Amino acid sequence: HSTTAGNATPSIPARAQTSPPENPTVERASAGFFSVLLEAIKPKLFMPRQKGKVTLYIREALRDAEEPLTTRELAYIVMHRRGMDTTDNKEVRNMAQRTARQLPDLRAKGRVRSEVGPKREMLWWLA
């Protein structure tokens, strides 16, 4: 090691002067790493499922309808009543699938009736 005049400290490369942290996660967290990371991630809208609400909204929609409704029309109505974005095709498709799963059970219980419509879509109404 070499020393400079008037300085008794040997010269050590700058990156070797600091010892590596024992736990790098703690150092990153203390430096605000996670807070920056969380700010960069945009939160998704979380809609908790409420048991029986889809069925309730389906029955209300059919009660208020003047004519039979398709599964997709019912999905739009359910989404509207839940305050969901009806322009998001992925969400509409998801809700249409959820609605389609509920309707046969309601038919089996005798609460709704159905028939195939002119465009080969199922039409639903209250029994």
Protein backbone atom coordinates (compact mmCIF):
# COMPACT_ATOMS: atom_id res chain seq x y z
CA HIS A 1 0.00 0.00 0.00
CA SER A 2 1.21 3.49 -0.71
CA THR A 3 0.76 6.48 1.57
CA THR A 4 0.59 10.16 0.76
CA ALA A 5 2.64 12.80 2.54
CA GLY A 6 1.00 13.76 5.83
CA ASN A 7 -1.65 11.04 5.54
CA ALA A 8 -1.05 7.70 7.23
CA THR A 9 -4.07 6.02 5.57
CA PRO A 10 -3.13 3.62 2.79
CA SER A 11 -4.83 4.30 -0.55
CA ILE A 12 -7.64 1.84 -1.21
CA PRO A 13 -9.77 1.86 -4.33
CA ALA A 14 -13.03 3.78 -3.68
CA ARG A 15 -15.35 0.83 -4.32
CA ALA A 16 -13.42 -1.31 -1.85
CA GLN A 17 -13.59 1.31 0.92
CA THR A 18 -17.23 0.55 1.70
CA SER A 19 -18.03 -2.95 2.85
CA PRO A 20 -20.95 -4.68 1.16
CA PRO A 21 -24.16 -4.50 3.18
CA GLU A 22 -25.01 -7.56 5.20
CA ASN A 23 -28.59 -7.48 3.95
CA PRO A 24 -29.00 -5.61 0.65
CA THR A 25 -32.81 -5.71 0.94
CA VAL A 26 -32.72 -3.63 4.11
CA GLU A 27 -30.40 -1.08 2.49
CA ARG A 28 -32.66 -0.75 -0.58
CA ALA A 29 -35.75 -0.43 1.60
CA SER A 30 -34.14 2.23 3.72
CA ALA A 31 -33.19 4.14 0.58
CA GLY A 32 -36.85 4.30 -0.44
CA PHE A 33 -36.51 1.57 -3.04
CA PHE A 34 -39.92 0.05 -2.37
CA SER A 35 -41.74 3.35 -2.15
CA VAL A 36 -40.39 4.31 -5.58
CA LEU A 37 -41.29 0.87 -6.93
CA LEU A 38 -44.83 1.07 -5.58
CA GLU A 39 -45.35 4.51 -7.06
CA ALA A 40 -44.29 3.18 -10.47
CA ILE A 41 -46.87 0.38 -10.37
CA LYS A 42 -50.36 1.61 -11.17
CA PRO A 43 -52.99 0.02 -8.96
CA LYS A 44 -55.78 -1.92 -10.59
CA LEU A 45 -59.35 -1.19 -9.70
CA PHE A 46 -60.33 -3.83 -7.18
CA MET A 47 -63.93 -4.87 -7.22
CA PRO A 48 -64.58 -7.37 -4.43
CA ARG A 49 -67.12 -9.98 -5.34
CA GLN A 50 -70.26 -10.00 -3.33
CA LYS A 51 -71.96 -13.35 -3.10
CA GLY A 52 -75.30 -13.39 -4.87
CA LYS A 53 -75.11 -9.88 -6.32
CA VAL A 54 -74.81 -11.01 -9.96
CA THR A 55 -77.87 -13.23 -9.52
CA LEU A 56 -79.77 -10.40 -7.86
CA TYR A 57 -78.91 -7.97 -10.66
CA ILE A 58 -79.89 -10.55 -13.31
CA ARG A 59 -83.29 -11.06 -11.71
CA GLU A 60 -83.85 -7.30 -11.32
CA ALA A 61 -82.90 -6.71 -14.97
CA LEU A 62 -85.28 -9.42 -16.19
CA ARG A 63 -88.06 -8.09 -13.95
CA ASP A 64 -87.64 -4.57 -15.39
CA ALA A 65 -87.26 -5.70 -19.01
CA GLU A 66 -90.20 -5.40 -21.38
CA GLU A 67 -88.86 -8.17 -23.61
CA PRO A 68 -86.47 -11.14 -23.24
CA LEU A 69 -82.77 -10.23 -22.92
CA THR A 70 -79.64 -11.90 -24.26
CA THR A 71 -76.84 -13.02 -21.96
CA ARG A 72 -74.64 -10.18 -23.20
CA GLU A 73 -77.38 -7.59 -22.60
CA LEU A 74 -77.76 -8.94 -19.07
CA ALA A 75 -73.99 -8.68 -18.57
CA TYR A 76 -74.06 -5.00 -19.61
CA ILE A 77 -76.90 -4.29 -17.18
CA VAL A 78 -75.11 -6.08 -14.32
CA MET A 79 -71.92 -4.12 -15.05
CA HIS A 80 -73.82 -0.84 -15.17
CA ARG A 81 -75.53 -1.52 -11.84
CA ARG A 82 -72.16 -2.41 -10.26
CA GLY A 83 -70.57 0.78 -11.61
CA MET A 84 -68.15 -1.08 -13.87
CA ASP A 85 -66.68 0.16 -17.18
CA THR A 86 -68.92 -1.21 -19.95
CA THR A 87 -66.47 -0.05 -22.64
CA ASP A 88 -63.77 -2.51 -21.52
CA ASN A 89 -64.33 -5.50 -23.81
CA LYS A 90 -62.31 -7.84 -21.59
CA GLU A 91 -64.46 -6.99 -18.57
CA VAL A 92 -67.66 -7.31 -20.63
CA ARG A 93 -66.57 -10.76 -21.80
CA ASN A 94 -65.70 -11.76 -18.22
CA MET A 95 -69.06 -10.58 -16.90
CA ALA A 96 -70.91 -12.28 -19.79
CA GLN A 97 -69.23 -15.55 -18.79
CA ARG A 98 -70.15 -15.07 -15.14
CA THR A 99 -73.71 -14.22 -16.14
CA ALA A 100 -73.88 -17.25 -18.44
CA ARG A 101 -72.84 -19.50 -15.55
CA GLN A 102 -75.66 -18.18 -13.34
CA LEU A 103 -78.53 -18.45 -15.80
CA PRO A 104 -78.76 -22.27 -16.12
CA ASP A 105 -78.92 -22.56 -12.32
CA LEU A 106 -81.73 -20.00 -12.22
CA ARG A 107 -83.51 -21.93 -14.99
CA ALA A 108 -83.10 -25.22 -13.08
CA LYS A 109 -84.67 -23.57 -10.01
CA GLY A 110 -87.60 -22.41 -12.15
CA ARG A 111 -86.85 -18.69 -11.73
CA VAL A 112 -86.08 -17.88 -15.38
CA ARG A 113 -86.96 -19.32 -18.76
CA SER A 114 -85.04 -19.29 -22.02
CA GLU A 115 -85.17 -20.02 -25.71
CA VAL A 116 -82.81 -19.69 -28.64
CA GLY A 117 -83.29 -16.35 -30.39
CA PRO A 118 -83.08 -15.49 -34.10
CA LYS A 119 -79.29 -14.99 -34.01
CA ARG A 120 -78.74 -18.25 -32.10
CA GLU A 121 -78.38 -16.28 -28.86
CA MET A 122 -80.13 -17.37 -25.72
CA LEU A 123 -83.00 -15.11 -24.75
CA TRP A 124 -83.94 -14.97 -21.06
CA TRP A 125 -86.99 -13.80 -19.10
CA LEU A 126 -88.49 -14.34 -15.66
CA ALA A 127 -90.60 -17.46 -15.24
